[in-house]
Protein backbone atom coordinates (compact mmCIF):
# COMPACT_ATOMS: atom_id res chain seq x y z
CA UNK A 1 112.31 103.18 93.51
CA UNK A 2 110.39 106.30 92.81
CA UNK A 3 106.76 106.42 91.72
CA UNK A 4 105.31 108.89 89.24
CA UNK A 5 103.25 111.73 90.52
CA UNK A 6 100.55 113.91 89.11
CA UNK A 7 102.34 116.94 90.54
CA UNK A 8 105.03 116.51 87.90
CA UNK A 9 102.56 116.60 85.05
CA UNK A 10 101.79 119.54 82.87
CA UNK A 11 101.02 120.61 79.35
CA UNK A 12 104.15 122.67 78.65
CA UNK A 13 106.99 120.83 76.93
CA UNK A 14 109.69 121.94 79.35
CA UNK A 15 112.03 118.98 79.77
CA UNK A 16 115.15 118.86 77.62
CA UNK A 17 116.93 115.59 76.86
CA UNK A 18 119.48 116.22 79.63
CA UNK A 19 116.70 116.98 82.12
CA UNK A 20 114.94 113.76 81.18
CA UNK A 21 118.14 111.79 81.75
CA UNK A 22 118.61 113.25 85.24
CA UNK A 23 114.91 112.74 86.01
CA UNK A 24 115.14 109.08 85.03
CA UNK A 25 118.30 108.35 87.01
CA UNK A 26 116.83 110.00 90.09
CA UNK A 27 113.58 108.10 89.65
CA UNK A 28 115.20 104.67 89.46
CA UNK A 29 117.97 104.77 92.05
CA UNK A 30 116.50 104.03 95.47
CA UNK A 31 117.28 102.06 98.62
CA UNK A 32 117.84 98.75 96.84
CA UNK A 33 121.44 99.33 95.82
CA UNK A 34 122.32 100.40 99.36
CA UNK A 35 120.82 97.37 101.14
CA UNK A 36 120.56 94.48 98.66
CA UNK A 37 124.14 93.76 97.48
CA UNK A 38 124.72 91.30 100.35
CA UNK A 39 121.44 89.48 99.73
CA UNK A 40 122.14 89.20 96.00
CA UNK A 41 125.69 87.99 96.69
CA UNK A 42 124.34 85.37 99.10
CA UNK A 43 121.86 84.17 96.47
CA UNK A 44 124.04 84.17 93.38
CA UNK A 45 127.65 84.86 94.39
CA UNK A 46 129.63 86.48 91.61
CA UNK A 47 126.61 85.87 89.40
CA UNK A 48 124.84 88.66 91.31
CA UNK A 49 126.49 91.18 89.00
CA UNK A 50 125.04 89.35 86.00
CA UNK A 51 121.65 89.17 87.76
CA UNK A 52 121.64 92.97 88.13
CA UNK A 53 122.69 93.55 84.51
CA UNK A 54 120.11 91.10 83.14
CA UNK A 55 117.38 92.54 85.38
CA UNK A 56 118.23 96.00 84.06
CA UNK A 57 118.15 94.89 80.43
CA UNK A 58 114.87 93.03 80.99
CA UNK A 59 113.35 96.07 82.68
CA UNK A 60 114.43 98.17 79.72
CA UNK A 61 112.46 95.85 77.45
CA UNK A 62 109.38 96.21 79.66
CA UNK A 63 109.91 99.98 79.86
CA UNK A 64 109.67 100.21 76.08
CA UNK A 65 106.03 99.07 76.28
CA UNK A 66 105.36 102.04 78.57
CA UNK A 67 107.25 104.32 76.19
CA UNK A 68 105.26 103.16 73.16
CA UNK A 69 101.96 103.67 74.97
CA UNK A 70 103.00 107.02 76.43
CA UNK A 71 103.71 108.23 72.89
CA UNK A 72 100.12 107.33 71.93
CA UNK A 73 98.20 108.29 75.09
CA UNK A 74 99.03 111.62 76.68
CA UNK A 75 97.04 111.23 79.91
CA UNK A 76 98.00 111.11 83.60
CA UNK A 77 98.12 107.77 85.35
CA UNK A 78 100.42 105.40 83.50
CA UNK A 79 99.55 101.70 83.61
CA UNK A 80 95.93 101.97 84.75
CA UNK A 81 95.15 104.61 82.07
CA UNK A 82 96.54 102.32 79.38
CA UNK A 83 94.57 99.34 80.69
CA UNK A 84 91.37 101.36 81.03
CA UNK A 85 91.72 102.67 77.48
CA UNK A 86 92.59 99.27 76.02
CA UNK A 87 89.97 97.14 77.74
CA UNK A 88 87.18 99.66 78.31
CA UNK A 89 85.49 98.48 75.12
CA UNK A 90 84.91 95.11 76.76
CA UNK A 91 82.26 96.61 79.04
CA UNK A 92 82.15 95.77 82.73
CA UNK A 93 85.05 93.34 82.53
CA UNK A 94 87.31 95.87 80.80
CA UNK A 95 86.45 98.57 83.33
CA UNK A 96 87.19 96.13 86.14
CA UNK A 97 90.62 95.34 84.67
CA UNK A 98 91.39 99.07 84.52
CA UNK A 99 90.24 99.48 88.11
CA UNK A 100 92.36 96.60 89.41
CA UNK A 101 95.40 97.98 87.60
CA UNK A 102 94.88 101.35 89.29
CA UNK A 103 94.14 99.68 92.62
CA UNK A 104 97.38 97.70 92.53
CA UNK A 105 99.21 100.84 91.40
CA UNK A 106 98.07 102.52 94.59
CA UNK A 107 99.02 99.45 96.65
CA UNK A 108 102.44 99.48 95.00
CA UNK A 109 102.91 102.98 96.38
CA UNK A 110 101.84 101.85 99.85
CA UNK A 111 104.39 99.02 99.88
CA UNK A 112 107.08 101.34 98.55
CA UNK A 113 106.54 103.73 101.46
CA UNK A 114 106.82 100.80 103.87
CA UNK A 115 109.94 99.43 102.18
CA UNK A 116 111.71 102.80 102.16
CA UNK A 117 110.88 103.33 105.84
CA UNK A 118 112.17 99.84 106.64
CA UNK A 119 115.35 100.69 104.73
CA UNK A 120 115.65 103.98 106.63
CA UNK A 121 115.30 102.23 109.99
CA UNK A 122 117.82 99.58 108.96
CA UNK A 123 120.33 102.27 108.01
CA UNK A 124 119.59 104.21 111.21
CA UNK A 125 120.30 101.04 113.18
CA UNK A 126 123.80 101.01 111.68
CA UNK A 127 124.38 104.47 113.14
CA UNK A 128 122.39 104.12 116.37
CA UNK A 129 122.41 100.40 117.36
CA UNK A 130 119.58 100.75 119.90
CA UNK A 131 117.18 101.25 116.97
CA UNK A 132 117.65 97.55 116.17
CA UNK A 133 115.69 96.69 119.33
CA UNK A 134 112.12 95.83 118.37
CA UNK A 135 110.45 98.30 120.71
CA UNK A 136 112.66 101.20 119.68
CA UNK A 137 112.32 100.24 116.00
CA UNK A 138 108.52 100.40 116.20
CA UNK A 139 108.56 103.64 118.20
CA UNK A 140 110.83 105.41 115.71
CA UNK A 141 108.75 104.05 112.82
CA UNK A 142 105.55 105.46 114.31
CA UNK A 143 107.18 108.87 114.90
CA UNK A 144 108.24 109.01 111.25
CA UNK A 145 104.79 107.88 110.14
CA UNK A 146 103.20 110.65 112.20
CA UNK A 147 105.56 113.19 110.63
CA UNK A 148 104.68 111.98 107.12
CA UNK A 149 100.97 112.33 107.85
CA UNK A 150 101.50 115.84 109.21
CA UNK A 151 103.56 116.91 106.17
CA UNK A 152 100.88 115.59 103.83
CA UNK A 153 97.97 117.13 105.73
CA UNK A 154 99.54 120.56 106.23
CA UNK A 155 101.23 120.89 102.87
CA UNK A 156 104.34 119.54 101.12
CA UNK A 157 106.20 122.85 100.74
CA UNK A 158 109.41 121.24 101.98
CA UNK A 159 109.11 118.35 99.55
CA UNK A 160 111.08 119.85 96.65
CA UNK A 161 114.00 120.76 98.92
CA UNK A 162 114.16 117.25 100.43
CA UNK A 163 113.80 115.72 96.98
CA UNK A 164 116.72 117.68 95.51
CA UNK A 165 119.03 117.02 98.45
CA UNK A 166 118.26 113.29 98.58
CA UNK A 167 118.67 112.93 94.82
CA UNK A 168 122.12 114.50 94.86
CA UNK A 169 123.32 112.56 97.90
CA UNK A 170 122.46 109.08 96.66
CA UNK A 171 124.36 109.65 93.42
CA UNK A 172 127.33 111.20 95.24
CA UNK A 173 127.50 108.22 97.64
CA UNK A 174 127.49 105.65 94.86
CA UNK A 175 130.14 107.51 92.86
CA UNK A 176 132.29 107.82 95.99
CA UNK A 177 131.98 104.10 96.74
CA UNK A 178 132.86 103.15 93.16
CA UNK A 179 135.87 105.49 93.30
CA UNK A 180 136.89 103.91 96.61
CA UNK A 181 136.64 100.52 94.94
CA UNK A 182 138.95 101.68 92.16
CA UNK A 183 141.49 102.88 94.73
CA UNK A 184 141.17 99.60 96.65
CA UNK A 185 141.86 97.56 93.53
CA UNK A 186 144.87 99.72 92.62
CA UNK A 187 146.43 99.15 96.05
CA UNK A 188 145.31 95.59 96.84
CA UNK A 189 144.76 94.07 93.44
CA UNK A 190 141.61 92.50 92.03
CA UNK A 191 140.57 89.46 94.06
CA UNK A 192 137.02 88.10 94.02
CA UNK A 193 135.60 84.94 95.56
CA UNK A 194 132.36 83.06 95.97
CA UNK A 195 130.70 83.09 99.42
CA UNK A 196 131.00 79.71 101.13
CA UNK A 197 127.29 79.46 101.84
CA UNK A 198 126.06 80.78 98.50
CA UNK A 199 122.61 79.35 97.70
CA UNK A 200 123.26 79.40 93.92
CA UNK A 201 119.73 80.66 93.40
CA UNK A 202 120.20 82.87 90.34
CA UNK A 203 116.45 82.78 89.64
CA UNK A 204 115.67 84.47 92.99
CA UNK A 205 118.55 86.93 92.67
CA UNK A 206 117.35 87.87 89.19
CA UNK A 207 113.83 88.50 90.50
CA UNK A 208 115.04 90.46 93.55
CA UNK A 209 117.27 92.65 91.38
CA UNK A 210 114.18 93.88 89.53
CA UNK A 211 113.32 96.00 92.58
CA UNK A 212 116.29 98.21 91.84
CA UNK A 213 114.81 99.21 88.47
CA UNK A 214 111.05 99.47 89.07
CA UNK A 215 111.18 103.27 89.21
CA UNK A 216 111.55 103.38 85.43
CA UNK A 217 107.79 103.98 85.10
CA UNK A 218 108.39 107.54 86.28
CA UNK A 219 109.75 108.53 82.87
CA UNK A 220 106.97 107.39 80.51
CA UNK A 221 104.32 108.95 82.75
CA UNK A 222 106.13 112.29 82.42
CA UNK A 223 106.10 112.07 78.62
CA UNK A 224 103.84 115.05 78.07
CA UNK A 225 106.40 117.40 79.63
CA UNK A 226 109.15 116.34 77.23
CA UNK A 227 110.22 118.04 74.04
CA UNK A 228 109.49 115.68 71.12
CA UNK A 229 108.56 112.72 73.38
CA UNK A 230 108.28 110.31 70.42
CA UNK A 231 112.02 110.68 69.89
CA UNK A 232 113.17 111.79 73.32
CA UNK A 233 111.50 109.11 75.44
CA UNK A 234 112.86 105.90 73.87
CA UNK A 235 116.37 107.34 73.57
CA UNK A 236 116.22 108.65 77.14
CA UNK A 237 114.99 105.31 78.45
CA UNK A 238 117.87 103.48 76.81
CA UNK A 239 120.46 105.98 78.04
CA UNK A 240 119.04 106.10 81.57
CA UNK A 241 118.81 102.33 81.89
CA UNK A 242 122.35 101.82 80.57
CA UNK A 243 123.73 104.42 83.00
CA UNK A 244 121.86 102.92 85.97
CA UNK A 245 122.85 99.36 84.99
CA UNK A 246 126.49 100.48 84.85
CA UNK A 247 126.27 102.23 88.25
CA UNK A 248 124.55 99.26 89.88
CA UNK A 249 126.90 96.72 88.32
CA UNK A 250 130.00 98.63 89.40
CA UNK A 251 128.58 99.21 92.90
CA UNK A 252 127.84 95.49 93.29
CA UNK A 253 131.28 94.50 92.05
CA UNK A 254 132.88 97.13 94.30
CA UNK A 255 131.23 95.73 97.43
CA UNK A 256 132.27 92.20 96.41
CA UNK A 257 135.89 93.20 95.80
CA UNK A 258 136.24 95.22 99.01
CA UNK A 259 134.26 93.06 101.44
CA UNK A 260 134.80 89.66 99.81
CA UNK A 261 132.88 86.89 101.60
CA UNK A 262 132.12 89.24 104.50
CA UNK A 263 129.57 90.90 102.22
CA UNK A 264 126.90 88.32 103.10
CA UNK A 265 126.97 89.40 106.76
CA UNK A 266 126.61 93.13 106.07
CA UNK A 267 123.19 94.76 106.37
CA UNK A 268 124.63 98.05 105.06
CA UNK A 269 127.13 96.78 102.48
CA UNK A 270 127.76 100.04 100.61
CA UNK A 271 128.56 101.89 103.86
CA UNK A 272 130.72 99.00 105.07
CA UNK A 273 132.69 98.93 101.82
CA UNK A 274 133.29 102.67 101.97
CA UNK A 275 134.41 102.40 105.61
CA UNK A 276 136.91 99.66 104.72
CA UNK A 277 138.71 102.05 102.39
CA UNK A 278 138.42 105.44 104.13
CA UNK A 279 137.92 104.43 107.77
CA UNK A 280 135.09 104.53 110.31
CA UNK A 281 134.24 108.14 109.51
CA UNK A 282 133.44 106.95 106.00
CA UNK A 283 130.75 104.62 107.29
CA UNK A 284 129.13 107.43 109.30
CA UNK A 285 129.18 109.80 106.33
CA UNK A 286 127.78 107.11 104.00
CA UNK A 287 124.99 106.19 106.40
CA UNK A 288 124.00 109.82 106.94
CA UNK A 289 123.82 110.29 103.20
CA UNK A 290 121.78 107.11 102.84
CA UNK A 291 119.36 108.22 105.56
CA UNK A 292 118.64 111.53 103.83
CA UNK A 293 118.39 109.85 100.44
CA UNK A 294 116.03 107.08 101.55
CA UNK A 295 113.88 109.42 103.63
CA UNK A 296 113.57 111.72 100.63
CA UNK A 297 112.13 108.89 98.55
CA UNK A 298 109.75 107.91 101.36
CA UNK A 299 108.48 111.48 101.72
CA UNK A 300 107.98 111.88 97.97
CA UNK A 301 106.11 108.58 97.58
CA UNK A 302 103.99 109.32 100.67
CA UNK A 303 102.86 112.46 98.87
CA UNK A 304 102.38 110.87 95.44
CA UNK A 305 100.39 107.81 96.46
CA UNK A 306 97.44 109.45 98.28
CA UNK A 307 97.10 111.87 95.36
CA UNK A 308 96.90 108.89 93.03
CA UNK A 309 94.15 107.35 95.16
CA UNK A 310 92.25 110.64 95.33
CA UNK A 311 92.54 111.00 91.56
CA UNK A 312 91.04 107.55 91.08
CA UNK A 313 88.11 108.65 93.25
CA UNK A 314 87.53 112.14 91.84
CA UNK A 315 88.81 112.64 88.29
CA UNK A 316 88.51 109.01 87.18
CA UNK A 317 85.54 107.89 89.37
CA UNK A 318 87.02 104.41 89.76
CA UNK A 319 86.85 104.58 93.57
CA UNK A 320 84.05 105.78 95.87
CA UNK A 321 83.99 109.57 96.33
CA UNK A 322 84.94 109.28 100.02
CA UNK A 323 88.53 108.44 99.04
CA UNK A 324 88.84 111.82 97.34
CA UNK A 325 87.70 114.01 100.25
CA UNK A 326 90.02 116.90 101.05
CA UNK A 327 90.62 119.16 104.05
CA UNK A 328 90.85 122.96 104.14
CA UNK A 329 94.40 122.79 102.78
CA UNK A 330 93.23 120.75 99.81
CA UNK A 331 94.98 117.60 101.05
CA UNK A 332 93.13 114.30 100.41
CA UNK A 333 92.96 113.39 104.10
CA UNK A 334 91.08 110.09 103.72
CA UNK A 335 93.58 108.82 101.15
CA UNK A 336 96.49 110.08 103.28
CA UNK A 337 95.36 108.32 106.45
CA UNK A 338 94.55 105.10 104.60
CA UNK A 339 97.76 105.04 102.55
CA UNK A 340 100.21 105.88 105.31
CA UNK A 341 98.25 103.89 107.91
CA UNK A 342 98.55 100.67 105.90
CA UNK A 343 102.21 101.45 105.20
CA UNK A 344 102.73 101.77 108.96
CA UNK A 345 101.26 98.31 109.57
CA UNK A 346 103.50 96.83 106.87
CA UNK A 347 106.69 98.46 108.09
CA UNK A 348 106.25 97.23 111.68
CA UNK A 349 105.23 93.72 110.66
CA UNK A 350 107.27 92.91 107.54
CA UNK A 351 110.99 92.74 106.77
CA UNK A 352 112.63 94.88 104.10
CA UNK A 353 113.37 91.90 101.86
CA UNK A 354 109.77 90.67 102.09
CA UNK A 355 108.49 94.12 101.14
CA UNK A 356 110.92 94.22 98.22
CA UNK A 357 109.59 90.92 96.89
CA UNK A 358 106.00 92.13 97.35
CA UNK A 359 106.81 95.30 95.39
CA UNK A 360 108.35 93.31 92.55
CA UNK A 361 105.31 91.04 92.36
CA UNK A 362 102.89 93.98 92.33
CA UNK A 363 104.99 95.70 89.68
CA UNK A 364 104.86 92.56 87.54
CA UNK A 365 101.04 92.71 87.61
CA UNK A 366 101.25 96.28 86.30
CA UNK A 367 103.69 95.26 83.59
CA UNK A 368 101.44 92.45 82.37
CA UNK A 369 98.38 94.66 81.91
CA UNK A 370 100.48 97.38 80.27
CA UNK A 371 102.00 95.02 77.71
CA UNK A 372 98.60 93.49 76.97
CA UNK A 373 97.22 97.02 76.56
CA UNK A 374 99.94 97.75 74.02
CA UNK A 375 98.97 94.67 71.99
CA UNK A 376 95.37 95.88 72.03
CA UNK A 377 96.10 99.52 71.14
CA UNK A 378 99.07 99.29 68.78
CA UNK A 379 96.88 99.53 65.66
CA UNK A 380 94.07 101.66 67.15
CA UNK A 381 93.12 104.14 64.38
CA UNK A 382 91.81 106.67 66.93
CA UNK A 383 95.28 107.12 68.48
CA UNK A 384 98.51 108.66 67.12
CA UNK A 385 100.98 106.27 65.50
CA UNK A 386 103.44 106.86 68.32
CA UNK A 387 106.82 105.20 68.65
CA UNK A 388 107.62 102.36 66.26
CA UNK A 389 109.90 99.65 67.65
CA UNK A 390 111.30 96.99 65.29
CA UNK A 391 110.08 93.47 66.13
CA UNK A 392 107.94 94.98 68.91
CA UNK A 393 105.35 92.11 69.05
CA UNK A 394 108.13 89.54 69.41
CA UNK A 395 109.92 91.57 72.08
CA UNK A 396 106.74 92.24 74.05
CA UNK A 397 105.76 88.57 73.84
CA UNK A 398 109.16 87.63 75.23
CA UNK A 399 108.69 90.18 78.03
CA UNK A 400 105.39 88.54 79.01
CA UNK A 401 107.01 85.10 79.12
CA UNK A 402 109.88 86.48 81.22
CA UNK A 403 107.51 88.08 83.72
CA UNK A 404 105.53 84.85 83.98
CA UNK A 405 108.74 82.95 84.64
CA UNK A 406 109.87 85.38 87.35
CA UNK A 407 106.48 85.30 89.08
CA UNK A 408 107.02 81.60 89.78
CA UNK A 409 109.64 82.57 92.37
CA UNK A 410 107.05 84.40 94.49
CA UNK A 411 106.23 82.78 97.85
CA UNK A 412 102.77 81.55 98.76
CA UNK A 413 102.45 84.47 101.19
CA UNK A 414 103.10 86.98 98.41
CA UNK A 415 100.44 85.32 96.25
CA UNK A 416 98.03 85.30 99.19
CA UNK A 417 98.51 89.01 99.89
CA UNK A 418 97.99 89.79 96.21
CA UNK A 419 94.75 87.79 96.19
CA UNK A 420 93.53 89.53 99.36
CA UNK A 421 94.32 92.98 97.91
CA UNK A 422 92.50 92.05 94.70
CA UNK A 423 89.46 90.80 96.66
CA UNK A 424 89.31 93.95 98.77
CA UNK A 425 89.48 96.02 95.62
CA UNK A 426 86.73 93.91 94.06
CA UNK A 427 84.43 94.48 97.02
CA UNK A 428 85.02 98.26 96.91
CA UNK A 429 84.43 98.25 93.16
CA UNK A 430 81.24 96.20 93.41
CA UNK A 431 79.73 98.30 96.22
CA UNK A 432 80.47 101.73 94.70
CA UNK A 433 76.95 103.11 94.26
CA UNK A 434 78.21 106.19 92.39
CA UNK A 435 79.73 104.06 89.64
CA UNK A 436 76.44 102.18 89.28
CA UNK A 437 74.60 105.50 89.03
CA UNK A 438 72.54 104.98 92.19
């Protein structure tokens, strides 16, 4: 998953339809498809392909609420901007809702950094087994964390290069694996089977699969750089989601066909499937590509998230001014240390799958406030008409019910962390003397 960033914003309409498509695909495809196929297969067996497809279609429905709001509100920030605009008229309560949406948006970035680093270390362990040892794992994690802090504090000049390379590699890897699957089927035939120890938990697999698509919010937030966003954005969202659903579905089916029931035991299923067809060198090549791809996402999000926090403190005055302080290079050093520091604690204490579930839960909170904001603003006479979607109220109501249903699969620990994060945010909000005008 890739989060939106203020650095991609601008007033010039520079993105063509093709550029928007590529931007969306790059924004959505992350570490999930490289690490989760075995988990999804364990949870739902052959139904894991259906879980991915349904999660993608459901995410598309949710994404349309972002698209409709982005066509009406041309401001930076995404979900928290929509919530702040929709509920600001309700006084202190409305402002608090907007703040919490922004607060959880920042936290979502923190968890994403942690999850991508956990994915990177997992992939690195497949290439260098000693990394799987707890002490080495933590040491390597801390070295990477230190490097991320340094890059952010000194300046992200290398960011674009890393971003472009990682974007190309992850797509190349997936296409290569799907092609390998086609060759495997042509030579061995199509044979699929259920894992013996499948938990038949389609509900959990469906919820987990949402992680693979949460980067969709990158597109609506970039609406003001698109040519004719009212027409371009909804069409681009549909095309992007259909392409990504197809890639994910074929990648999942490919790993099932090639690895069969061995898929449940693989921590790096895509690399293992590729190696089965092309040999051990294939696994090394796939893992190297995964490492660069995953690290690229981690670097990009580590840059985006502190900027988002600093923006909440400076431009939006929703956080105390201290969070927006910058160094001589203009880097928001307080936000950088806080963001990456918390991510470091999460990556050394939590598993990748736990972080994935925490990301999905936090994303659901953002989706709920965004859809409610759409209901509030859809007939606002002070805003442009924006995109019109047939049966939109019915579809958005269904999306809310679906999100509520999926949130029931969250563990008590996930709920507890969410409550703690909300309480911490509430304390910061209540004690901000600048907001109270003191």
